Every structure is written in C-alpha cells, then in structure tokens.
Amino acid sequence: MTNAMTGTAVPSISSAAMLVELSIGTWTGRKLDKKASQDVTTNNHADKGVANVHKKLLGDCTELDAVQKFTANARNVHYACTMPWSDTGLRLLPTTQYFKYHGEMTALQTEYKRLVDIFLDAYSWEIQNAQLKLGTLFNPDEYPSADSLTSKFRFGMNYMPLPDAGDWRVTIGSETESALRSQYEGYYAQQLQTAMGDVWRRAHDALTKMSERLDYADGPTKKVFRDSLVTNVHDMIDLLGACNVTNDPVMARAQRDLDDAMRGITPDALREDPYLRAETRRKVNEVKKTIDNLPSLGF
C-alpha cells in the first residue's frame, strides 16, 4: 500500500492488529434543577442562563461513587493497552496484546457488575436518605425506577478486523473506487502515524520522568521516588514490543536498548547505589534521545 499524499509505503497491519471498542457507561446521578437555577440568577440579579444548579440526586452515595470511580479506572486500563485510531472511540489493539487485554477487561467487567449490583441493592434506601440530604431540592419524580436504572449501566468490548484499503465490497466505477482507495490510504497512513506516535509519547513521558527523578546525588537534596517510576518503564518495554505493529526498526532498537538498561534494576537498588542510579539514567537518556530526535513527533 502506498500513501497517496506522500508517495511513501504504508505498511498493512491488518494481520498485526484489530480494532476494539469499549462500551461502558454509568448513571451520573445528577440533574439540572431549573427552578433552583432560576432562583440563583434572580437572587443575584443576574441574566437568565448564566448559572445552572446541578444537584446530586443521591447526595454523597458511596455505592454510586464506587461504580463511577471504577468506570474511570477501567477506561484508563483500556487506553493503556490500546492505541488511538478513530474519533468514534475505536482503538487499535495489537494482536499480541489481545489475550492480555481481554483477560484484564473481562476481570474488570465482572468487578463492575458486582459494584453495580451493590448499588442497585442500596438504591431504594439511598432515595430515602436523599430526602434528608436535599431538603426542598428533593423531587421524587426525578428518580428512575430500579428496573429502568439497570439499563443505564453497561460494560462490554466489541472487536472488529482492521480493513485494508482494497477491501471495498461495493459495485462502483473503477475511477471512483480508485479515488476512494486513495482517500482511505491517506486516512490509514495518518491514523497509523497517530497510533505509533502515541506509543512513542507514552515512552517519552515515562523516560523523562525517570531521568528527572534519578538526577540527584546522595545528601540533603536527595529526591524521593515511588516504585512505580521503575515499573512504569518496565511496562514501556513491553508496550514498545507489543505495539510495534509496523515492525519499525527504530522502535525495536529502542525496546532492546531500554530492556538492556533496565535488566535487573529495582527501585531499592536505584535508591541505594549512586553509581547504578547514574548509569541507569545515562542509558535511559540515550533511549530518550532517540525519541527526541524523531522528526514526526516534534519534541
């Protein structure tokens, strides 16, 4: 496949990756109170519409908060295991990551359902408590039934193949088909560049943070860092390997160099050994320099 815009070869990755969509949502438990909003603007002599009052229908409901926080965490796991692809929410999932991704997301799906069930069991009781919490803001008509509320919670993954530019299953003129194929090749190349750039930026962020945190000598100015500083870089080694769907030799070399730099490295060893700390930082900076010099990223 050739990128019609640049004339450069665009690798086909349809066998190395697939598309995945995470469908996840929760009930917000929030509602715009039009009367309260009007009262606020009137009492403050403000124009209509400059202030809105959104109330938490259940107040501080720990069961609902747990579901909402878990939802945000699940999305973060989804983003960490995949690469950006389209504005519609589809993400690129390397085939080598599928079993890890599916296993982690299935476990999260099970835990999500457990938390939702706990909330639904407490829902009726929480409505009663809300009467005390909301005072005159309480309106019983604003609370959905328990049955209808269930449909507002969802968690699922949808997988689909990544099409090649030649995959046009429509009967159209050859000239139109050629134009469509060229348009898709340009889109394909741009999305692929965005996906690979995302991997490079994640690695760059992790290495930049490590370089900065290891830049100290023992003494009063000694810096403190969490164990995650090291585990995050180890995760980047796996990511550079799994997400190299284009078999980019620069990314492959960066992974090997980073794996060499971090082999046997532990957080405690870095804290206790100034020489190891300096040497590790030097090697990390060498890999970081490779990323810094990539023209397409503009670091």
C-alpha atoms as a PDB file:
ATOM      1  CA  MET A   1       0.000   0.000   0.000  1.00  0.00           C
ATOM      2  CA  THR A   2       1.271   3.486  -0.904  1.00  0.00           C
ATOM      3  CA  ASN A   3       0.225   6.713   0.771  1.00  0.00           C
ATOM      4  CA  ALA A   4      -1.291   8.811  -1.998  1.00  0.00           C
ATOM      5  CA  MET A   5      -0.384  12.036  -0.188  1.00  0.00           C
ATOM      6  CA  THR A   6       3.301  11.383   0.403  1.00  0.00           C
ATOM      7  CA  GLY A   7       4.196   8.625  -2.047  1.00  0.00           C
ATOM      8  CA  THR A   8       5.729   6.603   0.800  1.00  0.00           C
ATOM      9  CA  ALA A   9       4.952   3.000   1.546  1.00  0.00           C
ATOM     10  CA  VAL A  10       2.301   2.459   4.193  1.00  0.00           C
ATOM     11  CA  PRO A  11       2.612  -0.952   5.873  1.00  0.00           C
ATOM     12  CA  SER A  12      -0.511  -3.084   6.083  1.00  0.00           C
ATOM     13  CA  ILE A  13      -1.132  -4.024   9.697  1.00  0.00           C
ATOM     14  CA  SER A  14      -4.465  -5.815   9.271  1.00  0.00           C
ATOM     15  CA  SER A  15      -2.893  -9.098  10.431  1.00  0.00           C
ATOM     16  CA  ALA A  16      -0.950  -7.475  13.277  1.00  0.00           C
ATOM     17  CA  ALA A  17      -3.769  -5.525  14.894  1.00  0.00           C
ATOM     18  CA  MET A  18      -7.526  -5.298  15.264  1.00  0.00           C
ATOM     19  CA  LEU A  19      -9.967  -2.603  16.302  1.00  0.00           C
ATOM     20  CA  VAL A  20     -11.680  -2.641  19.675  1.00  0.00           C
ATOM     21  CA  GLU A  21     -14.464  -0.522  21.085  1.00  0.00           C
ATOM     22  CA  LEU A  22     -15.124  -0.253  24.814  1.00  0.00           C
ATOM     23  CA  SER A  23     -18.781   0.357  25.591  1.00  0.00           C
ATOM     24  CA  ILE A  24     -19.008   1.449  29.205  1.00  0.00           C
ATOM     25  CA  GLY A  25     -21.311   3.830  30.981  1.00  0.00           C
ATOM     26  CA  THR A  26     -22.932   4.609  34.308  1.00  0.00           C
ATOM     27  CA  TRP A  27     -25.797   6.614  35.661  1.00  0.00           C
ATOM     28  CA  THR A  28     -24.487  10.048  36.602  1.00  0.00           C
ATOM     29  CA  GLY A  29     -26.995  10.593  39.395  1.00  0.00           C
ATOM     30  CA  ARG A  30     -27.050  14.304  38.544  1.00  0.00           C
ATOM     31  CA  LYS A  31     -29.909  16.518  37.416  1.00  0.00           C
ATOM     32  CA  LEU A  32     -30.262  20.113  36.333  1.00  0.00           C
ATOM     33  CA  ASP A  33     -32.668  21.890  38.693  1.00  0.00           C
ATOM     34  CA  LYS A  34     -34.274  24.595  36.581  1.00  0.00           C
ATOM     35  CA  LYS A  35     -36.123  26.227  39.491  1.00  0.00           C
ATOM     36  CA  ALA A  36     -33.020  26.370  41.666  1.00  0.00           C
ATOM     37  CA  SER A  37     -31.040  27.749  38.728  1.00  0.00           C
ATOM     38  CA  GLN A  38     -33.639  30.471  38.192  1.00  0.00           C
ATOM     39  CA  ASP A  39     -33.649  31.300  41.920  1.00  0.00           C
ATOM     40  CA  VAL A  40     -29.854  31.708  41.886  1.00  0.00           C
ATOM     41  CA  THR A  41     -29.879  34.107  38.939  1.00  0.00           C
ATOM     42  CA  THR A  42     -32.875  36.068  40.267  1.00  0.00           C
ATOM     43  CA  ASN A  43     -31.488  36.412  43.794  1.00  0.00           C
ATOM     44  CA  ASN A  44     -28.162  37.622  42.399  1.00  0.00           C
ATOM     45  CA  HIS A  45     -29.733  39.965  39.826  1.00  0.00           C
ATOM     46  CA  ALA A  46     -28.008  38.021  37.033  1.00  0.00           C
ATOM     47  CA  ASP A  47     -29.104  37.335  33.485  1.00  0.00           C
ATOM     48  CA  LYS A  48     -31.049  34.171  32.830  1.00  0.00           C
ATOM     49  CA  GLY A  49     -28.833  31.229  31.905  1.00  0.00           C
ATOM     50  CA  VAL A  50     -25.561  32.444  33.429  1.00  0.00           C
ATOM     51  CA  ALA A  51     -25.777  29.969  36.315  1.00  0.00           C
ATOM     52  CA  ASN A  52     -27.008  26.389  36.491  1.00  0.00           C
ATOM     53  CA  VAL A  53     -27.635  24.282  39.575  1.00  0.00           C
ATOM     54  CA  HIS A  54     -26.907  20.605  39.091  1.00  0.00           C
ATOM     55  CA  LYS A  55     -27.839  18.519  42.088  1.00  0.00           C
ATOM     56  CA  LYS A  56     -26.593  15.087  43.091  1.00  0.00           C
ATOM     57  CA  LEU A  57     -29.822  13.153  43.333  1.00  0.00           C
ATOM     58  CA  LEU A  58     -28.451  10.769  45.954  1.00  0.00           C
ATOM     59  CA  GLY A  59     -26.086  13.204  47.652  1.00  0.00           C
ATOM     60  CA  ASP A  60     -22.804  11.525  48.563  1.00  0.00           C
ATOM     61  CA  CYS A  61     -23.702   7.927  47.728  1.00  0.00           C
ATOM     62  CA  THR A  62     -20.660   5.742  48.359  1.00  0.00           C
ATOM     63  CA  GLU A  63     -22.024   2.849  46.282  1.00  0.00           C
ATOM     64  CA  LEU A  64     -22.565   5.020  43.196  1.00  0.00           C
ATOM     65  CA  ASP A  65     -19.240   6.799  43.709  1.00  0.00           C
ATOM     66  CA  ALA A  66     -17.513   3.395  43.729  1.00  0.00           C
ATOM     67  CA  VAL A  67     -19.068   2.494  40.356  1.00  0.00           C
ATOM     68  CA  GLN A  68     -18.135   5.837  38.806  1.00  0.00           C
ATOM     69  CA  LYS A  69     -14.536   5.713  40.018  1.00  0.00           C
ATOM     70  CA  PHE A  70     -14.206   2.123  38.821  1.00  0.00           C
ATOM     71  CA  THR A  71     -15.529   3.146  35.402  1.00  0.00           C
ATOM     72  CA  ALA A  72     -12.835   5.803  35.075  1.00  0.00           C
ATOM     73  CA  ASN A  73     -10.159   3.281  36.066  1.00  0.00           C
ATOM     74  CA  ALA A  74     -11.437   0.734  33.528  1.00  0.00           C
ATOM     75  CA  ARG A  75     -11.197   3.331  30.782  1.00  0.00           C
ATOM     76  CA  ASN A  76      -7.607   4.068  31.801  1.00  0.00           C
ATOM     77  CA  VAL A  77      -6.732   0.353  31.534  1.00  0.00           C
ATOM     78  CA  HIS A  78      -8.380   0.254  28.093  1.00  0.00           C
ATOM     79  CA  TYR A  79      -6.382   3.270  26.906  1.00  0.00           C
ATOM     80  CA  ALA A  80      -3.122   1.882  28.336  1.00  0.00           C
ATOM     81  CA  CYS A  81      -3.457  -1.398  26.410  1.00  0.00           C
ATOM     82  CA  THR A  82      -4.528   0.113  23.098  1.00  0.00           C
ATOM     83  CA  MET A  83      -3.571   2.830  20.625  1.00  0.00           C
ATOM     84  CA  PRO A  84      -5.686   5.663  19.209  1.00  0.00           C
ATOM     85  CA  TRP A  85      -7.343   5.085  15.849  1.00  0.00           C
ATOM     86  CA  SER A  86     -10.569   6.998  15.175  1.00  0.00           C
ATOM     87  CA  ASP A  87     -12.636   9.827  16.614  1.00  0.00           C
ATOM     88  CA  THR A  88     -15.553   7.429  17.082  1.00  0.00           C
ATOM     89  CA  GLY A  89     -13.918   5.638  20.001  1.00  0.00           C
ATOM     90  CA  LEU A  90     -12.354   2.745  18.104  1.00  0.00           C
ATOM     91  CA  ARG A  91      -8.856   1.898  19.352  1.00  0.00           C
ATOM     92  CA  LEU A  92      -6.100  -0.155  17.761  1.00  0.00           C
ATOM     93  CA  LEU A  93      -5.295  -3.373  19.614  1.00  0.00           C
ATOM     94  CA  PRO A  94      -2.155  -5.317  18.596  1.00  0.00           C
ATOM     95  CA  THR A  95      -2.977  -8.997  18.200  1.00  0.00           C
ATOM     96  CA  THR A  96      -0.116  -9.845  20.568  1.00  0.00           C
ATOM     97  CA  GLN A  97      -1.938  -7.833  23.250  1.00  0.00           C
ATOM     98  CA  TYR A  98      -5.339  -9.438  22.716  1.00  0.00           C
ATOM     99  CA  PHE A  99      -5.233 -12.160  25.379  1.00  0.00           C
ATOM    100  CA  LYS A 100      -3.751  -9.835  27.989  1.00  0.00           C
ATOM    101  CA  TYR A 101      -6.243  -7.105  27.142  1.00  0.00           C
ATOM    102  CA  HIS A 102      -9.260  -9.408  27.020  1.00  0.00           C
ATOM    103  CA  GLY A 103      -8.284 -11.093  30.282  1.00  0.00           C
ATOM    104  CA  GLU A 104      -7.860  -7.802  32.137  1.00  0.00           C
ATOM    105  CA  MET A 105     -11.013  -6.251  30.716  1.00  0.00           C
ATOM    106  CA  THR A 106     -13.118  -9.352  31.401  1.00  0.00           C
ATOM    107  CA  ALA A 107     -11.988  -9.294  35.026  1.00  0.00           C
ATOM    108  CA  LEU A 108     -12.863  -5.592  35.219  1.00  0.00           C
ATOM    109  CA  GLN A 109     -16.238  -6.339  33.638  1.00  0.00           C
ATOM    110  CA  THR A 110     -17.003  -8.886  36.372  1.00  0.00           C
ATOM    111  CA  GLU A 111     -15.994  -6.474  39.138  1.00  0.00           C
ATOM    112  CA  TYR A 112     -18.021  -3.693  37.507  1.00  0.00           C
ATOM    113  CA  LYS A 113     -21.149  -5.842  37.583  1.00  0.00           C
ATOM    114  CA  ARG A 114     -20.538  -6.652  41.254  1.00  0.00           C
ATOM    115  CA  LEU A 115     -20.283  -2.972  42.166  1.00  0.00           C
ATOM    116  CA  VAL A 116     -23.387  -2.118  40.144  1.00  0.00           C
ATOM    117  CA  ASP A 117     -25.357  -4.860  41.903  1.00  0.00           C
ATOM    118  CA  ILE A 118     -24.312  -3.454  45.277  1.00  0.00           C
ATOM    119  CA  PHE A 119     -25.514  -0.007  44.232  1.00  0.00           C
ATOM    120  CA  LEU A 120     -28.829  -1.288  42.855  1.00  0.00           C
ATOM    121  CA  ASP A 121     -29.478  -3.183  46.099  1.00  0.00           C
ATOM    122  CA  ALA A 122     -28.956   0.052  48.050  1.00  0.00           C
ATOM    123  CA  TYR A 123     -30.837   2.303  45.611  1.00  0.00           C
ATOM    124  CA  SER A 124     -34.229   2.407  47.378  1.00  0.00           C
ATOM    125  CA  TRP A 125     -32.583   3.147  50.710  1.00  0.00           C
ATOM    126  CA  GLU A 126     -30.435   5.867  49.165  1.00  0.00           C
ATOM    127  CA  ILE A 127     -33.541   7.602  47.782  1.00  0.00           C
ATOM    128  CA  GLN A 128     -34.947   7.789  51.297  1.00  0.00           C
ATOM    129  CA  ASN A 129     -31.683   9.254  52.572  1.00  0.00           C
ATOM    130  CA  ALA A 130     -31.704  11.769  49.714  1.00  0.00           C
ATOM    131  CA  GLN A 131     -34.877  13.344  51.082  1.00  0.00           C
ATOM    132  CA  LEU A 132     -32.922  14.440  54.152  1.00  0.00           C
ATOM    133  CA  LYS A 133     -29.826  15.456  52.195  1.00  0.00           C
ATOM    134  CA  LEU A 134     -31.552  17.545  49.521  1.00  0.00           C
ATOM    135  CA  GLY A 135     -34.251  19.238  51.569  1.00  0.00           C
ATOM    136  CA  THR A 136     -36.561  21.268  49.321  1.00  0.00           C
ATOM    137  CA  LEU A 137     -34.461  20.299  46.283  1.00  0.00           C
ATOM    138  CA  PHE A 138     -35.821  16.752  46.538  1.00  0.00           C
ATOM    139  CA  ASN A 139     -38.256  15.773  43.792  1.00  0.00           C
ATOM    140  CA  PRO A 140     -39.416  12.126  43.769  1.00  0.00           C
ATOM    141  CA  ASP A 141     -40.322  12.323  40.066  1.00  0.00           C
ATOM    142  CA  GLU A 142     -36.650  12.722  39.127  1.00  0.00           C
ATOM    143  CA  TYR A 143     -35.665   9.222  40.248  1.00  0.00           C
ATOM    144  CA  PRO A 144     -35.863   6.411  37.681  1.00  0.00           C
ATOM    145  CA  SER A 145     -37.302   3.077  38.701  1.00  0.00           C
ATOM    146  CA  ALA A 146     -34.874   0.356  39.723  1.00  0.00           C
ATOM    147  CA  ASP A 147     -35.711  -1.616  36.557  1.00  0.00           C
ATOM    148  CA  SER A 148     -35.076   1.295  34.175  1.00  0.00           C
ATOM    149  CA  LEU A 149     -31.951   2.261  36.083  1.00  0.00           C
ATOM    150  CA  THR A 150     -30.338  -1.082  35.274  1.00  0.00           C
ATOM    151  CA  SER A 151     -30.240  -0.221  31.569  1.00  0.00           C
ATOM    152  CA  LYS A 152     -28.105   2.857  32.281  1.00  0.00           C
ATOM    153  CA  PHE A 153     -25.151   0.660  33.280  1.00  0.00           C
ATOM    154  CA  ARG A 154     -23.186  -1.128  30.575  1.00  0.00           C
ATOM    155  CA  PHE A 155     -19.758  -2.683  30.113  1.00  0.00           C
ATOM    156  CA  GLY A 156     -18.703  -4.553  27.002  1.00  0.00           C
ATOM    157  CA  MET A 157     -15.952  -4.907  24.404  1.00  0.00           C
ATOM    158  CA  ASN A 158     -16.532  -5.140  20.664  1.00  0.00           C
ATOM    159  CA  TYR A 159     -13.764  -6.447  18.400  1.00  0.00           C
ATOM    160  CA  MET A 160     -13.578  -5.989  14.658  1.00  0.00           C
ATOM    161  CA  PRO A 161     -10.987  -6.552  11.914  1.00  0.00           C
ATOM    162  CA  LEU A 162      -8.913  -3.721  10.526  1.00  0.00           C
ATOM    163  CA  PRO A 163      -9.720  -3.369   6.815  1.00  0.00           C
ATOM    164  CA  ASP A 164      -7.138  -2.928   4.090  1.00  0.00           C
ATOM    165  CA  ALA A 165      -7.526  -0.194   1.517  1.00  0.00           C
ATOM    166  CA  GLY A 166      -8.534  -2.713  -1.125  1.00  0.00           C
ATOM    167  CA  ASP A 167     -11.452  -4.015   0.937  1.00  0.00           C
ATOM    168  CA  TRP A 168     -14.279  -2.288  -0.979  1.00  0.00           C
ATOM    169  CA  ARG A 169     -17.341  -4.532  -1.245  1.00  0.00           C
ATOM    170  CA  VAL A 170     -19.436  -2.223  -3.381  1.00  0.00           C
ATOM    171  CA  THR A 171     -20.098  -2.042  -7.101  1.00  0.00           C
ATOM    172  CA  ILE A 172     -18.869   1.328  -8.321  1.00  0.00           C
ATOM    173  CA  GLY A 173     -16.883   2.621 -11.233  1.00  0.00           C
ATOM    174  CA  SER A 174     -13.168   1.875 -11.263  1.00  0.00           C
ATOM    175  CA  GLU A 175     -12.311   5.581 -11.208  1.00  0.00           C
ATOM    176  CA  THR A 176     -14.488   6.181  -8.138  1.00  0.00           C
ATOM    177  CA  GLU A 177     -13.107   3.097  -6.444  1.00  0.00           C
ATOM    178  CA  SER A 178      -9.554   4.309  -7.086  1.00  0.00           C
ATOM    179  CA  ALA A 179     -10.385   7.701  -5.576  1.00  0.00           C
ATOM    180  CA  LEU A 180     -11.954   6.087  -2.510  1.00  0.00           C
ATOM    181  CA  ARG A 181      -8.977   3.768  -2.096  1.00  0.00           C
ATOM    182  CA  SER A 182      -6.567   6.709  -2.301  1.00  0.00           C
ATOM    183  CA  GLN A 183      -8.624   8.631   0.253  1.00  0.00           C
ATOM    184  CA  TYR A 184      -8.599   5.666   2.633  1.00  0.00           C
ATOM    185  CA  GLU A 185      -4.867   5.132   2.180  1.00  0.00           C
ATOM    186  CA  GLY A 186      -4.298   8.730   3.263  1.00  0.00           C
ATOM    187  CA  TYR A 187      -6.571   8.242   6.262  1.00  0.00           C
ATOM    188  CA  TYR A 188      -4.925   4.899   7.072  1.00  0.00           C
ATOM    189  CA  ALA A 189      -1.450   6.433   6.971  1.00  0.00           C
ATOM    190  CA  GLN A 190      -2.476   9.345   9.186  1.00  0.00           C
ATOM    191  CA  GLN A 191      -4.188   7.144  11.766  1.00  0.00           C
ATOM    192  CA  LEU A 192      -1.227   4.769  11.810  1.00  0.00           C
ATOM    193  CA  GLN A 193       1.151   7.670  12.384  1.00  0.00           C
ATOM    194  CA  THR A 194      -1.057   8.909  15.230  1.00  0.00           C
ATOM    195  CA  ALA A 195      -1.183   5.443  16.804  1.00  0.00           C
ATOM    196  CA  MET A 196       2.574   4.918  16.680  1.00  0.00           C
ATOM    197  CA  GLY A 197       3.168   8.474  17.873  1.00  0.00           C
ATOM    198  CA  ASP A 198       1.015   7.758  20.913  1.00  0.00           C
ATOM    199  CA  VAL A 199       3.259   4.834  21.864  1.00  0.00           C
ATOM    200  CA  TRP A 200       6.383   6.960  21.439  1.00  0.00           C
ATOM    201  CA  ARG A 201       4.911   9.746  23.584  1.00  0.00           C
ATOM    202  CA  ARG A 202       3.975   7.354  26.394  1.00  0.00           C
ATOM    203  CA  ALA A 203       7.514   6.004  26.395  1.00  0.00           C
ATOM    204  CA  HIS A 204       8.954   9.514  26.246  1.00  0.00           C
ATOM    205  CA  ASP A 205       6.890  10.620  29.255  1.00  0.00           C
ATOM    206  CA  ALA A 206       7.987   7.616  31.335  1.00  0.00           C
ATOM    207  CA  LEU A 207      11.674   8.063  30.447  1.00  0.00           C
ATOM    208  CA  THR A 208      11.590  11.825  31.023  1.00  0.00           C
ATOM    209  CA  LYS A 209      10.127  11.298  34.467  1.00  0.00           C
ATOM    210  CA  MET A 210      12.721   8.650  35.340  1.00  0.00           C
ATOM    211  CA  SER A 211      15.606  10.815  34.115  1.00  0.00           C
ATOM    212  CA  GLU A 212      14.398  13.735  36.202  1.00  0.00           C
ATOM    213  CA  ARG A 213      13.804  11.710  39.371  1.00  0.00           C
ATOM    214  CA  LEU A 214      17.186   9.930  39.195  1.00  0.00           C
ATOM    215  CA  ASP A 215      19.110  13.166  38.738  1.00  0.00           C
ATOM    216  CA  TYR A 216      20.456  13.648  42.249  1.00  0.00           C
ATOM    217  CA  ALA A 217      23.376  12.827  44.500  1.00  0.00           C
ATOM    218  CA  ASP A 218      23.078  11.392  47.999  1.00  0.00           C
ATOM    219  CA  GLY A 219      22.691  14.111  50.592  1.00  0.00           C
ATOM    220  CA  PRO A 220      20.168  16.654  51.879  1.00  0.00           C
ATOM    221  CA  THR A 221      18.778  17.231  48.376  1.00  0.00           C
ATOM    222  CA  LYS A 222      18.163  13.541  47.788  1.00  0.00           C
ATOM    223  CA  LYS A 223      14.997  13.018  45.764  1.00  0.00           C
ATOM    224  CA  VAL A 224      12.244  10.594  46.631  1.00  0.00           C
ATOM    225  CA  PHE A 225      10.518   8.430  44.034  1.00  0.00           C
ATOM    226  CA  ARG A 226       7.889   5.730  44.093  1.00  0.00           C
ATOM    227  CA  ASP A 227       8.392   2.147  42.946  1.00  0.00           C
ATOM    228  CA  SER A 228       6.056   2.927  40.039  1.00  0.00           C
ATOM    229  CA  LEU A 229       8.837   5.021  38.489  1.00  0.00           C
ATOM    230  CA  VAL A 230      10.593   1.749  37.643  1.00  0.00           C
ATOM    231  CA  THR A 231       7.542  -0.419  36.959  1.00  0.00           C
ATOM    232  CA  ASN A 232       6.204   2.181  34.518  1.00  0.00           C
ATOM    233  CA  VAL A 233       9.396   1.965  32.464  1.00  0.00           C
ATOM    234  CA  HIS A 234       9.276  -1.837  32.534  1.00  0.00           C
ATOM    235  CA  ASP A 235       5.709  -1.555  31.235  1.00  0.00           C
ATOM    236  CA  MET A 236       7.011   0.656  28.433  1.00  0.00           C
ATOM    237  CA  ILE A 237       9.443  -2.081  27.371  1.00  0.00           C
ATOM    238  CA  ASP A 238       6.503  -4.464  26.937  1.00  0.00           C
ATOM    239  CA  LEU A 239       4.457  -1.772  25.200  1.00  0.00           C
ATOM    240  CA  LEU A 240       7.189  -0.941  22.671  1.00  0.00           C
ATOM    241  CA  GLY A 241       7.341  -4.612  21.747  1.00  0.00           C
ATOM    242  CA  ALA A 242       3.623  -5.363  21.639  1.00  0.00           C
ATOM    243  CA  CYS A 243       2.623  -2.156  19.843  1.00  0.00           C
ATOM    244  CA  ASN A 244       5.308  -2.238  17.161  1.00  0.00           C
ATOM    245  CA  VAL A 245       2.736  -3.351  14.605  1.00  0.00           C
ATOM    246  CA  THR A 246       4.721  -1.798  11.732  1.00  0.00           C
ATOM    247  CA  ASN A 247       7.951  -3.601  12.660  1.00  0.00           C
ATOM    248  CA  ASP A 248       9.656  -0.231  12.977  1.00  0.00           C
ATOM    249  CA  PRO A 249      13.400  -0.923  13.404  1.00  0.00           C
ATOM    250  CA  VAL A 250      13.867   2.271  15.432  1.00  0.00           C
ATOM    251  CA  MET A 251      11.212   1.188  17.911  1.00  0.00           C
ATOM    252  CA  ALA A 252      12.634  -2.333  18.017  1.00  0.00           C
ATOM    253  CA  ARG A 253      16.102  -0.967  18.786  1.00  0.00           C
ATOM    254  CA  ALA A 254      14.728   1.397  21.433  1.00  0.00           C
ATOM    255  CA  GLN A 255      12.994  -1.535  23.111  1.00  0.00           C
ATOM    256  CA  ARG A 256      16.175  -3.625  23.121  1.00  0.00           C
ATOM    257  CA  ASP A 257      18.274  -0.750  24.487  1.00  0.00           C
ATOM    258  CA  LEU A 258      15.720   0.022  27.165  1.00  0.00           C
ATOM    259  CA  ASP A 259      15.423  -3.636  28.109  1.00  0.00           C
ATOM    260  CA  ASP A 260      19.213  -3.752  28.471  1.00  0.00           C
ATOM    261  CA  ALA A 261      19.206  -0.595  30.577  1.00  0.00           C
ATOM    262  CA  MET A 262      16.520  -1.858  32.948  1.00  0.00           C
ATOM    263  CA  ARG A 263      17.518  -5.506  33.243  1.00  0.00           C
ATOM    264  CA  GLY A 264      17.763  -6.384  36.939  1.00  0.00           C
ATOM    265  CA  ILE A 265      17.001  -2.814  38.017  1.00  0.00           C
ATOM    266  CA  THR A 266      14.842  -2.428  41.124  1.00  0.00           C
ATOM    267  CA  PRO A 267      13.619   0.706  42.909  1.00  0.00           C
ATOM    268  CA  ASP A 268      15.577  -0.117  46.065  1.00  0.00           C
ATOM    269  CA  ALA A 269      18.779  -0.728  44.124  1.00  0.00           C
ATOM    270  CA  LEU A 270      18.473   2.699  42.494  1.00  0.00           C
ATOM    271  CA  ARG A 271      17.883   4.344  45.859  1.00  0.00           C
ATOM    272  CA  GLU A 272      20.881   2.684  47.481  1.00  0.00           C
ATOM    273  CA  ASP A 273      23.519   2.723  44.717  1.00  0.00           C
ATOM    274  CA  PRO A 274      24.506   6.153  43.310  1.00  0.00           C
ATOM    275  CA  TYR A 275      26.637   4.611  40.547  1.00  0.00           C
ATOM    276  CA  LEU A 276      23.780   2.347  39.393  1.00  0.00           C
ATOM    277  CA  ARG A 277      21.452   5.313  39.538  1.00  0.00           C
ATOM    278  CA  ALA A 278      23.727   7.462  37.362  1.00  0.00           C
ATOM    279  CA  GLU A 279      24.430   4.648  34.893  1.00  0.00           C
ATOM    280  CA  THR A 280      20.742   3.799  34.568  1.00  0.00           C
ATOM    281  CA  ARG A 281      19.896   7.450  33.981  1.00  0.00           C
ATOM    282  CA  ARG A 282      22.605   7.654  31.287  1.00  0.00           C
ATOM    283  CA  LYS A 283      21.207   4.653  29.421  1.00  0.00           C
ATOM    284  CA  VAL A 284      17.648   5.902  29.779  1.00  0.00           C
ATOM    285  CA  ASN A 285      18.698   9.281  28.389  1.00  0.00           C
ATOM    286  CA  GLU A 286      20.242   7.573  25.360  1.00  0.00           C
ATOM    287  CA  VAL A 287      16.910   5.939  24.525  1.00  0.00           C
ATOM    288  CA  LYS A 288      15.084   9.172  25.273  1.00  0.00           C
ATOM    289  CA  LYS A 289      17.419  10.985  22.869  1.00  0.00           C
ATOM    290  CA  THR A 290      16.380   8.585  20.119  1.00  0.00           C
ATOM    291  CA  ILE A 291      12.751   9.551  20.714  1.00  0.00           C
ATOM    292  CA  ASP A 292      13.627  13.250  20.965  1.00  0.00           C
ATOM    293  CA  ASN A 293      15.186  13.083  17.501  1.00  0.00           C
ATOM    294  CA  LEU A 294      12.149  11.601  15.785  1.00  0.00           C
ATOM    295  CA  PRO A 295      11.050  14.368  13.399  1.00  0.00           C
ATOM    296  CA  SER A 296       7.418  13.316  13.256  1.00  0.00           C
ATOM    297  CA  LEU A 297       6.905  13.892  16.991  1.00  0.00           C
ATOM    298  CA  GLY A 298       8.332  17.394  17.232  1.00  0.00           C
ATOM    299  CA  PHE A 299       9.832  17.125  20.694  1.00  0.00           C
END
